[in-house]
């Protein structure tokens, strides 16, 4: 039985406003999001089949059914990928827990360009960093650190847009569970965060799925104050590792980052 697939479909269905997909909304409507029969009609499948999917009683829906549901629900690329992962889990090689020494050396060279750089694993373990990343994220960069624990469990006011950062953190972990459903350390991490953080429990229950590969992060740094940094995140060859690079989004942030680099040195 595929209960996770069913739970994900129900969660996404509840988030779609009927008027956004061209459906009329009557005055007596009490259902949040789409009714089951409405989604079935939009996806071109029977209500009975959708019911079995949402109850986890269908082992492996076809790719065409998943595509139809993705379109009907307006899923993002990350959510669509997660839907396919849940429907047909594929064996994946275990990601390495260490980075190549050559990559570590490259991160140090990037420090000279005043670019904070981090390598994280699929569980958001922090695997490698340069000195400027260490200065930018106080208390994060050390062996055994995990970005999800840092964001949810530490009493930090580092992010100006903290709620969006937390949603993205949960979304990335949700993607990881679809890709690595048999990873006991990932299951343990999610259990720990669920016990220790009410905000994590709320977001996790909502089946948030996000994959932020670029954008702007806004910081309130204890040393240099407000910073707006653009970030780019790249998947590294070998599977499971992601390289994140940050650079200034404006002139004031460029000056602040330069000051932070000299302080960190």
C-alpha atoms as a PDB file:
ATOM      1  CA  UNK A   1       0.000   0.000   0.000  1.00  0.00           C
ATOM      2  CA  UNK A   2       1.239   3.477  -0.855  1.00  0.00           C
ATOM      3  CA  UNK A   3      -0.061   5.678   1.952  1.00  0.00           C
ATOM      4  CA  UNK A   4       2.499   8.450   1.328  1.00  0.00           C
ATOM      5  CA  UNK A   5       1.319   8.867  -2.264  1.00  0.00           C
ATOM      6  CA  UNK A   6      -2.297   9.104  -1.101  1.00  0.00           C
ATOM      7  CA  UNK A   7      -1.465  11.588   1.658  1.00  0.00           C
ATOM      8  CA  UNK A   8       0.473  13.771  -0.782  1.00  0.00           C
ATOM      9  CA  UNK A   9      -2.420  13.827  -3.282  1.00  0.00           C
ATOM     10  CA  UNK A  10      -4.910  14.741  -0.556  1.00  0.00           C
ATOM     11  CA  UNK A  11      -2.664  17.525   0.732  1.00  0.00           C
ATOM     12  CA  UNK A  12      -2.162  19.046  -2.719  1.00  0.00           C
ATOM     13  CA  UNK A  13      -5.871  18.707  -3.588  1.00  0.00           C
ATOM     14  CA  UNK A  14      -6.774  20.699  -0.473  1.00  0.00           C
ATOM     15  CA  UNK A  15      -4.509  23.556  -1.612  1.00  0.00           C
ATOM     16  CA  UNK A  16      -6.079  24.118  -5.063  1.00  0.00           C
ATOM     17  CA  UNK A  17      -8.746  26.843  -5.178  1.00  0.00           C
ATOM     18  CA  UNK A  18     -11.629  25.747  -7.458  1.00  0.00           C
ATOM     19  CA  UNK A  19     -11.831  29.157  -9.131  1.00  0.00           C
ATOM     20  CA  UNK A  20      -8.156  28.891 -10.114  1.00  0.00           C
ATOM     21  CA  UNK A  21      -8.975  25.889 -12.321  1.00  0.00           C
ATOM     22  CA  UNK A  22     -12.157  27.330 -13.793  1.00  0.00           C
ATOM     23  CA  UNK A  23     -14.710  25.750 -11.463  1.00  0.00           C
ATOM     24  CA  UNK A  24     -17.702  27.615 -10.083  1.00  0.00           C
ATOM     25  CA  UNK A  25     -17.893  28.009  -6.303  1.00  0.00           C
ATOM     26  CA  UNK A  26     -21.355  27.910  -4.725  1.00  0.00           C
ATOM     27  CA  UNK A  27     -22.347  29.739  -1.529  1.00  0.00           C
ATOM     28  CA  UNK A  28     -22.695  26.506   0.489  1.00  0.00           C
ATOM     29  CA  UNK A  29     -19.278  25.106  -0.311  1.00  0.00           C
ATOM     30  CA  UNK A  30     -17.544  23.873   2.848  1.00  0.00           C
ATOM     31  CA  UNK A  31     -14.726  21.796   1.387  1.00  0.00           C
ATOM     32  CA  UNK A  32     -11.240  23.285   1.391  1.00  0.00           C
ATOM     33  CA  UNK A  33      -9.677  23.014  -2.061  1.00  0.00           C
ATOM     34  CA  UNK A  34     -11.020  20.621  -4.686  1.00  0.00           C
ATOM     35  CA  UNK A  35     -13.558  17.905  -4.102  1.00  0.00           C
ATOM     36  CA  UNK A  36     -12.414  14.432  -5.062  1.00  0.00           C
ATOM     37  CA  UNK A  37     -14.831  14.250  -7.999  1.00  0.00           C
ATOM     38  CA  UNK A  38     -13.594  17.637  -9.257  1.00  0.00           C
ATOM     39  CA  UNK A  39      -9.981  16.520  -9.330  1.00  0.00           C
ATOM     40  CA  UNK A  40     -10.957  13.248 -10.992  1.00  0.00           C
ATOM     41  CA  UNK A  41     -12.796  15.169 -13.711  1.00  0.00           C
ATOM     42  CA  UNK A  42      -9.888  17.552 -14.292  1.00  0.00           C
ATOM     43  CA  UNK A  43      -7.420  14.638 -14.500  1.00  0.00           C
ATOM     44  CA  UNK A  44      -9.661  12.495 -16.713  1.00  0.00           C
ATOM     45  CA  UNK A  45      -9.806   9.536 -14.340  1.00  0.00           C
ATOM     46  CA  UNK A  46     -12.670   7.921 -12.445  1.00  0.00           C
ATOM     47  CA  UNK A  47     -13.607   8.992  -8.935  1.00  0.00           C
ATOM     48  CA  UNK A  48     -13.272   5.347  -7.846  1.00  0.00           C
ATOM     49  CA  UNK A  49      -9.688   5.157  -9.097  1.00  0.00           C
ATOM     50  CA  UNK A  50      -8.742   8.457  -7.438  1.00  0.00           C
ATOM     51  CA  UNK A  51     -10.299   7.191  -4.212  1.00  0.00           C
ATOM     52  CA  UNK A  52      -8.116   4.085  -4.340  1.00  0.00           C
ATOM     53  CA  UNK A  53      -5.043   6.237  -5.005  1.00  0.00           C
ATOM     54  CA  UNK A  54      -5.775   8.542  -2.072  1.00  0.00           C
ATOM     55  CA  UNK A  55      -6.435   5.588   0.214  1.00  0.00           C
ATOM     56  CA  UNK A  56      -3.147   3.938  -0.810  1.00  0.00           C
ATOM     57  CA  UNK A  57      -4.869   0.939  -2.389  1.00  0.00           C
ATOM     58  CA  UNK A  58      -3.253   1.194  -5.851  1.00  0.00           C
ATOM     59  CA  UNK A  59       0.318  -0.005  -6.087  1.00  0.00           C
ATOM     60  CA  UNK A  60       1.731   1.821  -9.119  1.00  0.00           C
ATOM     61  CA  UNK A  61      -0.299   4.249 -11.253  1.00  0.00           C
ATOM     62  CA  UNK A  62       0.816   4.756 -14.836  1.00  0.00           C
ATOM     63  CA  UNK A  63       2.974   7.660 -15.949  1.00  0.00           C
ATOM     64  CA  UNK A  64       0.044   9.091 -17.935  1.00  0.00           C
ATOM     65  CA  UNK A  65      -2.164   9.133 -14.827  1.00  0.00           C
ATOM     66  CA  UNK A  66       0.579  10.848 -12.823  1.00  0.00           C
ATOM     67  CA  UNK A  67       1.068  13.437 -15.566  1.00  0.00           C
ATOM     68  CA  UNK A  68      -2.675  14.125 -15.664  1.00  0.00           C
ATOM     69  CA  UNK A  69      -2.787  14.563 -11.885  1.00  0.00           C
ATOM     70  CA  UNK A  70       0.277  16.824 -11.999  1.00  0.00           C
ATOM     71  CA  UNK A  71      -1.360  19.099 -14.555  1.00  0.00           C
ATOM     72  CA  UNK A  72      -4.725  19.138 -12.777  1.00  0.00           C
ATOM     73  CA  UNK A  73      -3.103  20.036  -9.453  1.00  0.00           C
ATOM     74  CA  UNK A  74      -0.707  22.578 -10.991  1.00  0.00           C
ATOM     75  CA  UNK A  75       2.304  20.921  -9.387  1.00  0.00           C
ATOM     76  CA  UNK A  76       5.699  22.566  -9.501  1.00  0.00           C
ATOM     77  CA  UNK A  77       8.614  20.679 -11.056  1.00  0.00           C
ATOM     78  CA  UNK A  78       9.784  19.662  -7.583  1.00  0.00           C
ATOM     79  CA  UNK A  79       6.303  18.466  -6.563  1.00  0.00           C
ATOM     80  CA  UNK A  80       5.888  16.540  -9.826  1.00  0.00           C
ATOM     81  CA  UNK A  81       9.257  14.840  -9.273  1.00  0.00           C
ATOM     82  CA  UNK A  82       8.211  13.938  -5.720  1.00  0.00           C
ATOM     83  CA  UNK A  83       4.896  12.511  -6.962  1.00  0.00           C
ATOM     84  CA  UNK A  84       6.722  10.196  -9.373  1.00  0.00           C
ATOM     85  CA  UNK A  85       9.209   9.196  -6.660  1.00  0.00           C
ATOM     86  CA  UNK A  86       6.352   8.229  -4.325  1.00  0.00           C
ATOM     87  CA  UNK A  87       4.488   6.313  -7.018  1.00  0.00           C
ATOM     88  CA  UNK A  88       7.447   4.219  -8.148  1.00  0.00           C
ATOM     89  CA  UNK A  89      10.334   4.204  -5.663  1.00  0.00           C
ATOM     90  CA  UNK A  90      13.583   3.413  -7.452  1.00  0.00           C
ATOM     91  CA  UNK A  91      16.682   1.898  -5.845  1.00  0.00           C
ATOM     92  CA  UNK A  92      19.352   4.581  -5.654  1.00  0.00           C
ATOM     93  CA  UNK A  93      23.025   4.237  -4.782  1.00  0.00           C
ATOM     94  CA  UNK A  94      23.905   5.328  -1.275  1.00  0.00           C
ATOM     95  CA  UNK A  95      25.292   8.888  -1.486  1.00  0.00           C
ATOM     96  CA  UNK A  96      28.849   9.324  -0.224  1.00  0.00           C
ATOM     97  CA  UNK A  97      29.262  10.919   3.195  1.00  0.00           C
ATOM     98  CA  UNK A  98      32.486  12.751   2.343  1.00  0.00           C
ATOM     99  CA  UNK A  99      33.508  15.151  -0.408  1.00  0.00           C
ATOM    100  CA  UNK A 100      36.574  14.820  -2.582  1.00  0.00           C
ATOM    101  CA  UNK A 101      39.672  16.640  -1.239  1.00  0.00           C
ATOM    102  CA  UNK A 102      39.898  18.505  -4.544  1.00  0.00           C
ATOM    103  CA  UNK A 103      36.472  20.039  -3.945  1.00  0.00           C
ATOM    104  CA  UNK A 104      37.441  21.105  -0.436  1.00  0.00           C
ATOM    105  CA  UNK A 105      40.519  22.826  -1.865  1.00  0.00           C
ATOM    106  CA  UNK A 106      38.340  24.599  -4.445  1.00  0.00           C
ATOM    107  CA  UNK A 107      36.067  25.967  -1.723  1.00  0.00           C
ATOM    108  CA  UNK A 108      39.039  27.575   0.000  1.00  0.00           C
ATOM    109  CA  UNK A 109      40.112  29.213  -3.251  1.00  0.00           C
ATOM    110  CA  UNK A 110      36.602  30.607  -3.647  1.00  0.00           C
ATOM    111  CA  UNK A 111      37.042  32.390  -0.285  1.00  0.00           C
ATOM    112  CA  UNK A 112      39.444  34.760  -2.002  1.00  0.00           C
ATOM    113  CA  UNK A 113      36.610  35.820  -4.301  1.00  0.00           C
ATOM    114  CA  UNK A 114      34.419  36.699  -1.278  1.00  0.00           C
ATOM    115  CA  UNK A 115      31.856  34.019  -2.108  1.00  0.00           C
ATOM    116  CA  UNK A 116      30.442  31.921   0.768  1.00  0.00           C
ATOM    117  CA  UNK A 117      30.292  28.272  -0.338  1.00  0.00           C
ATOM    118  CA  UNK A 118      28.754  25.156   1.252  1.00  0.00           C
ATOM    119  CA  UNK A 119      28.423  21.508   0.248  1.00  0.00           C
ATOM    120  CA  UNK A 120      25.478  19.643   1.760  1.00  0.00           C
ATOM    121  CA  UNK A 121      24.228  16.062   1.474  1.00  0.00           C
ATOM    122  CA  UNK A 122      20.704  14.825   0.808  1.00  0.00           C
ATOM    123  CA  UNK A 123      19.894  14.943   4.559  1.00  0.00           C
ATOM    124  CA  UNK A 124      21.225  18.548   4.622  1.00  0.00           C
ATOM    125  CA  UNK A 125      24.344  17.418   6.494  1.00  0.00           C
ATOM    126  CA  UNK A 126      27.027  20.101   6.104  1.00  0.00           C
ATOM    127  CA  UNK A 127      29.942  18.285   4.477  1.00  0.00           C
ATOM    128  CA  UNK A 128      32.314  21.059   3.414  1.00  0.00           C
ATOM    129  CA  UNK A 129      32.517  24.847   3.573  1.00  0.00           C
ATOM    130  CA  UNK A 130      34.899  27.751   3.133  1.00  0.00           C
ATOM    131  CA  UNK A 131      35.905  30.366   5.687  1.00  0.00           C
ATOM    132  CA  UNK A 132      33.408  32.948   4.486  1.00  0.00           C
ATOM    133  CA  UNK A 133      30.514  30.491   4.841  1.00  0.00           C
ATOM    134  CA  UNK A 134      31.751  29.815   8.393  1.00  0.00           C
ATOM    135  CA  UNK A 135      31.585  33.557   9.086  1.00  0.00           C
ATOM    136  CA  UNK A 136      28.175  33.960   7.432  1.00  0.00           C
ATOM    137  CA  UNK A 137      26.488  31.093   9.348  1.00  0.00           C
ATOM    138  CA  UNK A 138      27.627  31.454  12.992  1.00  0.00           C
ATOM    139  CA  UNK A 139      27.915  28.076  14.699  1.00  0.00           C
ATOM    140  CA  UNK A 140      26.956  25.985  11.664  1.00  0.00           C
ATOM    141  CA  UNK A 141      30.179  24.915  10.001  1.00  0.00           C
ATOM    142  CA  UNK A 142      31.672  22.039  11.981  1.00  0.00           C
ATOM    143  CA  UNK A 143      31.905  18.247  11.536  1.00  0.00           C
ATOM    144  CA  UNK A 144      28.546  16.580  12.092  1.00  0.00           C
ATOM    145  CA  UNK A 145      26.511  19.754  11.537  1.00  0.00           C
ATOM    146  CA  UNK A 146      23.132  19.593   9.831  1.00  0.00           C
ATOM    147  CA  UNK A 147      21.437  22.569   8.191  1.00  0.00           C
ATOM    148  CA  UNK A 148      17.913  21.426   9.117  1.00  0.00           C
ATOM    149  CA  UNK A 149      18.808  21.122  12.810  1.00  0.00           C
ATOM    150  CA  UNK A 150      20.514  24.521  12.623  1.00  0.00           C
ATOM    151  CA  UNK A 151      17.471  26.205  11.058  1.00  0.00           C
ATOM    152  CA  UNK A 152      14.823  24.652  13.319  1.00  0.00           C
ATOM    153  CA  UNK A 153      16.479  23.910  16.654  1.00  0.00           C
ATOM    154  CA  UNK A 154      18.908  26.759  17.259  1.00  0.00           C
ATOM    155  CA  UNK A 155      17.689  30.043  18.680  1.00  0.00           C
ATOM    156  CA  UNK A 156      19.007  32.149  15.819  1.00  0.00           C
ATOM    157  CA  UNK A 157      17.678  35.298  14.181  1.00  0.00           C
ATOM    158  CA  UNK A 158      19.956  35.066  11.192  1.00  0.00           C
ATOM    159  CA  UNK A 159      17.322  35.043   8.448  1.00  0.00           C
ATOM    160  CA  UNK A 160      15.144  38.041   7.656  1.00  0.00           C
ATOM    161  CA  UNK A 161      12.849  35.690   5.701  1.00  0.00           C
ATOM    162  CA  UNK A 162      12.997  32.847   8.234  1.00  0.00           C
ATOM    163  CA  UNK A 163       9.589  31.336   7.500  1.00  0.00           C
ATOM    164  CA  UNK A 164      10.429  30.902   3.820  1.00  0.00           C
ATOM    165  CA  UNK A 165      13.785  29.346   4.759  1.00  0.00           C
ATOM    166  CA  UNK A 166      12.025  26.862   7.066  1.00  0.00           C
ATOM    167  CA  UNK A 167       9.485  25.927   4.376  1.00  0.00           C
ATOM    168  CA  UNK A 168      12.295  25.366   1.885  1.00  0.00           C
ATOM    169  CA  UNK A 169      14.195  23.236   4.412  1.00  0.00           C
ATOM    170  CA  UNK A 170      11.178  20.976   4.959  1.00  0.00           C
ATOM    171  CA  UNK A 171      10.525  20.858   1.226  1.00  0.00           C
ATOM    172  CA  UNK A 172      14.044  19.652   0.549  1.00  0.00           C
ATOM    173  CA  UNK A 173      13.780  16.932   3.207  1.00  0.00           C
ATOM    174  CA  UNK A 174      10.418  15.837   1.793  1.00  0.00           C
ATOM    175  CA  UNK A 175      12.048  15.437  -1.640  1.00  0.00           C
ATOM    176  CA  UNK A 176      14.839  13.418  -0.027  1.00  0.00           C
ATOM    177  CA  UNK A 177      12.360  10.972   1.554  1.00  0.00           C
ATOM    178  CA  UNK A 178      10.920  10.255  -1.883  1.00  0.00           C
ATOM    179  CA  UNK A 179      14.350   9.637  -3.357  1.00  0.00           C
ATOM    180  CA  UNK A 180      15.799   7.750  -0.372  1.00  0.00           C
ATOM    181  CA  UNK A 181      12.824   6.109   1.392  1.00  0.00           C
ATOM    182  CA  UNK A 182      14.996   3.448   3.062  1.00  0.00           C
ATOM    183  CA  UNK A 183      17.581   5.782   4.627  1.00  0.00           C
ATOM    184  CA  UNK A 184      17.386   5.160   8.419  1.00  0.00           C
ATOM    185  CA  UNK A 185      19.426   8.276   9.279  1.00  0.00           C
ATOM    186  CA  UNK A 186      17.017  10.436   7.287  1.00  0.00           C
ATOM    187  CA  UNK A 187      14.041   8.847   9.061  1.00  0.00           C
ATOM    188  CA  UNK A 188      15.777   9.447  12.404  1.00  0.00           C
ATOM    189  CA  UNK A 189      16.441  13.108  11.575  1.00  0.00           C
ATOM    190  CA  UNK A 190      12.806  13.719  10.648  1.00  0.00           C
ATOM    191  CA  UNK A 191      11.670  12.009  13.835  1.00  0.00           C
ATOM    192  CA  UNK A 192      14.019  14.143  15.934  1.00  0.00           C
ATOM    193  CA  UNK A 193      12.853  17.392  14.319  1.00  0.00           C
ATOM    194  CA  UNK A 194       9.203  16.356  14.674  1.00  0.00           C
ATOM    195  CA  UNK A 195       9.661  15.783  18.411  1.00  0.00           C
ATOM    196  CA  UNK A 196      11.698  18.923  19.076  1.00  0.00           C
ATOM    197  CA  UNK A 197      10.084  21.519  16.792  1.00  0.00           C
ATOM    198  CA  UNK A 198       6.367  22.325  16.610  1.00  0.00           C
ATOM    199  CA  UNK A 199       6.966  24.436  13.480  1.00  0.00           C
ATOM    200  CA  UNK A 200       8.628  21.483  11.772  1.00  0.00           C
ATOM    201  CA  UNK A 201       5.705  19.196  12.700  1.00  0.00           C
ATOM    202  CA  UNK A 202       3.225  21.657  11.185  1.00  0.00           C
ATOM    203  CA  UNK A 203       5.127  22.072   7.932  1.00  0.00           C
ATOM    204  CA  UNK A 204       5.863  18.348   7.628  1.00  0.00           C
ATOM    205  CA  UNK A 205       2.177  17.485   8.065  1.00  0.00           C
ATOM    206  CA  UNK A 206       1.386  19.833   5.159  1.00  0.00           C
ATOM    207  CA  UNK A 207       3.519  17.759   2.746  1.00  0.00           C
ATOM    208  CA  UNK A 208       5.486  20.843   1.689  1.00  0.00           C
ATOM    209  CA  UNK A 209       7.703  20.065  -1.310  1.00  0.00           C
ATOM    210  CA  UNK A 210      10.207  22.661  -2.485  1.00  0.00           C
ATOM    211  CA  UNK A 211      13.509  22.729  -4.299  1.00  0.00           C
ATOM    212  CA  UNK A 212      15.183  26.118  -4.251  1.00  0.00           C
ATOM    213  CA  UNK A 213      18.039  26.198  -6.728  1.00  0.00           C
ATOM    214  CA  UNK A 214      18.449  29.982  -6.964  1.00  0.00           C
ATOM    215  CA  UNK A 215      17.063  33.157  -5.494  1.00  0.00           C
ATOM    216  CA  UNK A 216      17.838  35.763  -2.823  1.00  0.00           C
ATOM    217  CA  UNK A 217      18.368  35.126   0.874  1.00  0.00           C
ATOM    218  CA  UNK A 218      18.147  38.058   3.301  1.00  0.00           C
ATOM    219  CA  UNK A 219      20.221  37.939   6.468  1.00  0.00           C
ATOM    220  CA  UNK A 220      20.387  39.920   9.715  1.00  0.00           C
ATOM    221  CA  UNK A 221      23.960  39.086  10.581  1.00  0.00           C
ATOM    222  CA  UNK A 222      25.182  39.716  14.157  1.00  0.00           C
ATOM    223  CA  UNK A 223      28.461  41.238  12.881  1.00  0.00           C
ATOM    224  CA  UNK A 224      27.649  43.178   9.688  1.00  0.00           C
ATOM    225  CA  UNK A 225      23.881  43.659   9.881  1.00  0.00           C
ATOM    226  CA  UNK A 226      21.556  43.257   6.917  1.00  0.00           C
ATOM    227  CA  UNK A 227      22.725  41.359   3.838  1.00  0.00           C
ATOM    228  CA  UNK A 228      20.916  40.399   0.644  1.00  0.00           C
ATOM    229  CA  UNK A 229      22.752  37.528  -1.059  1.00  0.00           C
ATOM    230  CA  UNK A 230      21.877  35.749  -4.268  1.00  0.00           C
ATOM    231  CA  UNK A 231      22.412  32.001  -4.152  1.00  0.00           C
ATOM    232  CA  UNK A 232      22.902  29.335  -6.803  1.00  0.00           C
ATOM    233  CA  UNK A 233      22.747  25.631  -5.892  1.00  0.00           C
ATOM    234  CA  UNK A 234      24.187  22.924  -8.121  1.00  0.00           C
ATOM    235  CA  UNK A 235      23.896  19.139  -8.050  1.00  0.00           C
ATOM    236  CA  UNK A 236      27.388  17.639  -7.990  1.00  0.00           C
ATOM    237  CA  UNK A 237      28.367  14.542  -9.969  1.00  0.00           C
ATOM    238  CA  UNK A 238      28.274  11.325  -7.951  1.00  0.00           C
ATOM    239  CA  UNK A 239      24.809  11.793  -6.472  1.00  0.00           C
ATOM    240  CA  UNK A 240      23.477  13.356  -3.304  1.00  0.00           C
ATOM    241  CA  UNK A 241      25.771  16.375  -2.896  1.00  0.00           C
ATOM    242  CA  UNK A 242      24.791  19.991  -3.584  1.00  0.00           C
ATOM    243  CA  UNK A 243      27.101  22.984  -3.859  1.00  0.00           C
ATOM    244  CA  UNK A 244      25.615  26.338  -2.795  1.00  0.00           C
ATOM    245  CA  UNK A 245      27.352  29.589  -3.704  1.00  0.00           C
ATOM    246  CA  UNK A 246      26.243  33.016  -2.457  1.00  0.00           C
ATOM    247  CA  UNK A 247      27.120  36.466  -3.783  1.00  0.00           C
ATOM    248  CA  UNK A 248      25.890  40.040  -3.111  1.00  0.00           C
ATOM    249  CA  UNK A 249      22.551  41.156  -4.523  1.00  0.00           C
ATOM    250  CA  UNK A 250      23.350  44.884  -4.198  1.00  0.00           C
ATOM    251  CA  UNK A 251      26.168  47.316  -3.514  1.00  0.00           C
ATOM    252  CA  UNK A 252      25.515  47.636   0.218  1.00  0.00           C
ATOM    253  CA  UNK A 253      25.582  43.854   0.634  1.00  0.00           C
ATOM    254  CA  UNK A 254      28.813  43.676  -1.372  1.00  0.00           C
ATOM    255  CA  UNK A 255      30.467  46.075   1.078  1.00  0.00           C
ATOM    256  CA  UNK A 256      29.079  44.172   4.077  1.00  0.00           C
ATOM    257  CA  UNK A 257      30.294  40.857   2.683  1.00  0.00           C
ATOM    258  CA  UNK A 258      33.743  42.314   2.132  1.00  0.00           C
ATOM    259  CA  UNK A 259      33.759  43.473   5.767  1.00  0.00           C
ATOM    260  CA  UNK A 260      32.628  40.008   6.892  1.00  0.00           C
ATOM    261  CA  UNK A 261      35.429  38.403   4.884  1.00  0.00           C
ATOM    262  CA  UNK A 262      38.051  40.572   6.574  1.00  0.00           C
ATOM    263  CA  UNK A 263      36.493  39.878   9.995  1.00  0.00           C
ATOM    264  CA  UNK A 264      36.433  36.137   9.304  1.00  0.00           C
ATOM    265  CA  UNK A 265      40.051  36.162   8.208  1.00  0.00           C
END
